Amino acid sequence: MRYAVLGTGIVGRTIAGKLASLGHDVVIGTRDPGATLARTAPDGMGNPPFAQWHADHGQVRLETFEAAAAFAEAVVNTTAGEQSLNALRAAGASNLSGKVLIDVANPLDFSAGMPPTLDPVNTDSLGERIQRAFPDAKVVKTLNTMNCFVMVEPARVAGEHTVFVSGDDTGAKKTVTALLGSFGWPEASVIDLGDITSARGVEMLLPIWLRLYGTLGHGDFNFHVQGARPGA
């Protein structure tokens, strides 16, 4: 399958690398490929520059947001939440129309320093804003409640733990659930929370996730919902 991963940070690289390892045809989208490749300094999180990662993942092509979305059959948004709508607008509504759009981003607001707050929150979510802005895309919110390495290798966390999906399109959620299975997520670990408004809840897990990260000192943890599954 042809995937476009929008965003060149550590989350985008990790998901793109996993998709490529599974045999998918993957492109990464960025605003300016030349500028992205020209960077030589680590990013704000201390990760190596994109060009260094790309040298080891030559099968993953780098394109503009627009070219990447036009190429793809499905799109994964891994951009910073405050930039997501602009990145998706650059990708082009026509290039997203009818496609599954997997939203992994979180609406973290760093304007008041650390720890970040959420914007939007409570009565809206980034997932909903994306769905409203691109009504012909099939937005599915998932994987935003964990470290990117756990996203693609759930066995990093011992025992059972949970991944959520939210979205209005049942078929799109089934497609994403199958993709999660290929990443190593057992079907029993996937909880469908309902329509895209349920993205509010999973985005609001981020403040506690950040506090746990600070307390534990690492990101190899996740949430586990224990109890009977719906309909059981």
Protein backbone atom coordinates (compact mmCIF):
# COMPACT_ATOMS: atom_id res chain seq x y z
CA MET A 1 0.00 0.00 0.00
CA ARG A 2 1.13 3.56 -0.64
CA TYR A 3 1.46 5.67 2.52
CA ALA A 4 2.32 9.32 3.03
CA VAL A 5 3.65 10.19 6.46
CA LEU A 6 3.43 13.93 7.02
CA GLY A 7 6.16 15.19 9.33
CA THR A 8 9.89 14.52 9.53
CA GLY A 9 10.31 14.40 13.31
CA ILE A 10 11.01 11.30 15.36
CA VAL A 11 7.37 10.15 15.25
CA GLY A 12 7.17 10.45 11.48
CA ARG A 13 10.51 8.74 10.98
CA THR A 14 9.58 5.87 13.30
CA ILE A 15 6.22 5.21 11.66
CA ALA A 16 7.61 5.61 8.14
CA GLY A 17 10.42 3.18 8.90
CA LYS A 18 7.98 0.64 10.28
CA LEU A 19 5.66 0.92 7.30
CA ALA A 20 8.59 0.49 4.91
CA SER A 21 9.83 -2.56 6.84
CA LEU A 22 6.39 -4.13 6.32
CA GLY A 23 6.71 -3.74 2.56
CA HIS A 24 4.61 -0.62 2.02
CA ASP A 25 5.62 2.09 -0.44
CA VAL A 26 6.26 5.09 1.80
CA VAL A 27 6.95 8.77 1.27
CA ILE A 28 7.51 11.38 3.97
CA GLY A 29 6.02 14.81 3.40
CA THR A 30 7.59 18.09 4.49
CA ARG A 31 7.12 21.73 3.62
CA ASP A 32 10.51 22.18 1.92
CA PRO A 33 12.44 18.97 1.15
CA GLY A 34 15.61 20.85 0.30
CA ALA A 35 15.65 22.73 3.58
CA THR A 36 14.84 19.56 5.51
CA LEU A 37 17.78 17.70 3.96
CA ALA A 38 20.11 20.67 4.47
CA ARG A 39 19.72 20.74 8.25
CA THR A 40 22.81 19.49 10.04
CA ALA A 41 21.97 20.16 13.69
CA PRO A 42 19.94 17.86 15.96
CA ASP A 43 16.29 18.78 16.40
CA GLY A 44 14.82 20.29 19.56
CA MET A 45 14.59 16.83 21.16
CA GLY A 46 18.21 16.00 20.40
CA ASN A 47 17.44 13.61 17.56
CA PRO A 48 19.89 13.48 14.64
CA PRO A 49 19.10 15.60 11.58
CA PHE A 50 16.67 14.08 9.11
CA ALA A 51 19.35 13.61 6.44
CA GLN A 52 21.23 11.24 8.73
CA TRP A 53 18.13 9.09 9.25
CA HIS A 54 17.27 9.25 5.55
CA ALA A 55 20.69 7.95 4.56
CA ASP A 56 19.78 4.69 6.33
CA HIS A 57 16.23 4.58 4.92
CA GLY A 58 16.74 5.29 1.25
CA GLN A 59 13.58 3.40 0.29
CA VAL A 60 11.52 6.14 1.97
CA ARG A 61 11.28 9.11 -0.37
CA LEU A 62 11.03 12.73 0.76
CA GLU A 63 8.47 14.93 -1.00
CA THR A 64 6.47 18.08 -0.40
CA PHE A 65 3.28 17.69 1.62
CA GLU A 66 1.28 18.05 -1.59
CA ALA A 67 3.24 15.52 -3.64
CA ALA A 68 3.28 13.02 -0.79
CA ALA A 69 -0.49 13.20 -0.25
CA ALA A 70 -1.17 12.97 -3.99
CA PHE A 71 0.94 9.80 -4.21
CA ALA A 72 -0.59 8.04 -1.23
CA GLU A 73 -3.56 5.79 -0.74
CA ALA A 74 -3.55 6.59 2.99
CA VAL A 75 -2.03 9.46 4.96
CA VAL A 76 -0.55 9.59 8.48
CA ASN A 77 -0.38 12.97 10.22
CA THR A 78 2.59 13.11 12.60
CA THR A 79 3.16 16.86 12.47
CA ALA A 80 3.19 18.99 15.61
CA GLY A 81 -0.43 19.62 16.58
CA GLU A 82 -0.18 23.39 16.27
CA GLN A 83 1.03 22.94 12.69
CA SER A 84 -1.20 20.07 11.60
CA LEU A 85 -4.00 22.00 9.90
CA ASN A 86 -1.56 24.13 7.92
CA ALA A 87 0.40 21.04 6.87
CA LEU A 88 -2.78 19.30 5.76
CA ARG A 89 -3.93 22.37 3.86
CA ALA A 90 -0.56 22.34 2.09
CA ALA A 91 -1.16 18.67 1.28
CA GLY A 92 -4.39 19.71 -0.41
CA ALA A 93 -7.99 18.79 0.29
CA SER A 94 -8.34 17.07 -3.08
CA ASN A 95 -5.34 14.84 -2.27
CA LEU A 96 -6.94 13.80 1.04
CA SER A 97 -10.45 13.27 -0.28
CA GLY A 98 -11.74 9.72 0.16
CA LYS A 99 -8.57 8.57 1.89
CA VAL A 100 -7.99 7.24 5.38
CA LEU A 101 -6.22 9.98 7.33
CA ILE A 102 -4.59 8.61 10.48
CA ASP A 103 -4.10 11.41 13.00
CA VAL A 104 -1.35 10.70 15.55
CA ALA A 105 -0.78 14.34 16.53
CA ASN A 106 -1.58 16.07 19.82
CA PRO A 107 -2.63 19.72 20.25
CA LEU A 108 0.15 20.64 22.66
CA ASP A 109 0.46 24.34 23.41
CA PHE A 110 3.93 25.40 24.61
CA SER A 111 3.19 29.16 24.62
CA ALA A 112 3.24 29.32 28.42
CA GLY A 113 6.26 27.08 28.76
CA MET A 114 6.50 23.62 30.27
CA PRO A 115 4.53 21.53 30.84
CA PRO A 116 2.41 22.27 27.77
CA THR A 117 -1.34 22.68 27.89
CA LEU A 118 -3.88 21.55 25.30
CA ASP A 119 -5.54 23.74 22.69
CA PRO A 120 -8.25 22.77 21.82
CA VAL A 121 -9.51 20.86 24.85
CA ASN A 122 -12.74 19.72 26.58
CA THR A 123 -15.30 20.76 23.95
CA ASP A 124 -13.22 20.15 20.84
CA SER A 125 -10.16 18.23 19.68
CA LEU A 126 -7.52 18.35 17.00
CA GLY A 127 -9.01 15.20 15.46
CA GLU A 128 -12.38 16.92 15.13
CA ARG A 129 -10.86 20.08 13.70
CA ILE A 130 -9.10 18.02 11.05
CA GLN A 131 -12.30 16.17 10.17
CA ARG A 132 -14.24 19.45 9.89
CA ALA A 133 -11.54 21.04 7.75
CA PHE A 134 -11.39 18.02 5.45
CA PRO A 135 -14.90 16.53 5.45
CA ASP A 136 -14.15 14.19 2.54
CA ALA A 137 -11.22 12.54 4.37
CA LYS A 138 -11.79 9.58 6.68
CA VAL A 139 -10.06 10.73 9.87
CA VAL A 140 -9.09 8.13 12.46
CA LYS A 141 -7.41 9.23 15.68
CA THR A 142 -5.06 6.63 17.14
CA LEU A 143 -1.60 5.99 18.65
CA ASN A 144 -1.39 9.48 20.18
CA THR A 145 -1.34 8.19 23.78
CA MET A 146 2.12 6.62 23.78
CA ASN A 147 5.78 6.98 22.82
CA CYS A 148 6.42 6.52 19.09
CA PHE A 149 8.62 3.46 19.68
CA VAL A 150 5.76 1.76 21.54
CA MET A 151 3.44 2.68 18.67
CA VAL A 152 5.30 0.40 16.27
CA GLU A 153 6.66 -2.13 18.77
CA PRO A 154 4.07 -2.68 21.51
CA ALA A 155 6.14 -5.52 22.99
CA ARG A 156 8.46 -2.85 24.44
CA VAL A 157 5.87 -2.63 27.23
CA ALA A 158 5.42 -5.87 29.14
CA GLY A 159 1.95 -7.37 29.51
CA GLU A 160 -1.34 -6.21 28.08
CA HIS A 161 -1.89 -2.57 27.22
CA THR A 162 -4.29 -0.55 25.13
CA VAL A 163 -4.51 1.47 21.93
CA PHE A 164 -7.58 3.53 21.09
CA VAL A 165 -9.26 4.40 17.79
CA SER A 166 -11.75 7.22 17.19
CA GLY A 167 -13.49 8.14 13.95
CA ASP A 168 -16.76 8.55 12.10
CA ASP A 169 -16.10 5.99 9.36
CA THR A 170 -16.45 2.36 10.48
CA GLY A 171 -14.60 1.01 7.45
CA ALA A 172 -11.68 3.36 8.01
CA LYS A 173 -11.42 2.26 11.63
CA LYS A 174 -11.34 -1.38 10.52
CA THR A 175 -8.54 -0.55 8.08
CA VAL A 176 -6.57 1.21 10.81
CA THR A 177 -7.17 -1.65 13.26
CA ALA A 178 -5.72 -4.06 10.70
CA LEU A 179 -2.69 -1.80 10.32
CA LEU A 180 -2.25 -1.75 14.09
CA GLY A 181 -2.30 -5.54 13.98
CA SER A 182 0.57 -5.51 11.51
CA PHE A 183 2.47 -3.31 13.98
CA GLY A 184 2.03 -6.03 16.61
CA TRP A 185 -1.10 -4.87 18.43
CA PRO A 186 -3.43 -7.78 19.32
CA GLU A 187 -7.02 -7.16 18.30
CA ALA A 188 -8.05 -7.45 21.96
CA SER A 189 -5.82 -4.47 22.78
CA VAL A 190 -7.65 -2.14 20.38
CA ILE A 191 -10.61 -0.23 21.84
CA ASP A 192 -12.92 1.62 19.44
CA LEU A 193 -14.15 4.64 21.41
CA GLY A 194 -16.71 5.70 18.83
CA ASP A 195 -16.99 8.76 16.62
CA ILE A 196 -14.38 11.46 16.17
CA THR A 197 -15.65 13.46 19.18
CA SER A 198 -14.09 10.75 21.35
CA ALA A 199 -10.71 12.08 20.26
CA ARG A 200 -11.20 14.70 22.98
CA GLY A 201 -10.67 12.05 25.64
CA VAL A 202 -7.55 10.48 24.18
CA GLU A 203 -5.96 13.87 23.58
CA MET A 204 -6.66 14.77 27.21
CA LEU A 205 -4.55 11.80 28.29
CA LEU A 206 -1.43 13.68 27.23
CA PRO A 207 -1.01 15.80 30.38
CA ILE A 208 -0.94 12.68 32.57
CA TRP A 209 1.30 10.90 30.05
CA LEU A 210 3.79 13.78 30.27
CA ARG A 211 3.73 13.70 34.08
CA LEU A 212 4.33 9.94 34.04
CA TYR A 213 7.22 10.40 31.63
CA GLY A 214 8.78 12.90 34.00
CA THR A 215 8.28 10.59 36.97
CA LEU A 216 9.44 7.37 35.30
CA GLY A 217 12.24 8.94 33.28
CA HIS A 218 11.47 6.95 30.12
CA GLY A 219 8.70 6.44 27.57
CA ASP A 220 8.37 2.66 27.57
CA PHE A 221 4.98 2.60 29.31
CA ASN A 222 1.36 2.72 28.27
CA PHE A 223 -2.20 2.70 29.57
CA HIS A 224 -4.11 -0.54 30.08
CA VAL A 225 -7.90 -0.66 30.31
CA GLN A 226 -8.90 -3.83 32.15
CA GLY A 227 -12.43 -5.24 32.09
CA ALA A 228 -15.08 -6.65 29.81
CA ARG A 229 -15.05 -5.48 26.21
CA PRO A 230 -18.17 -3.78 24.76
CA GLY A 231 -20.88 -6.33 24.09
CA ALA A 232 -19.18 -9.03 26.15
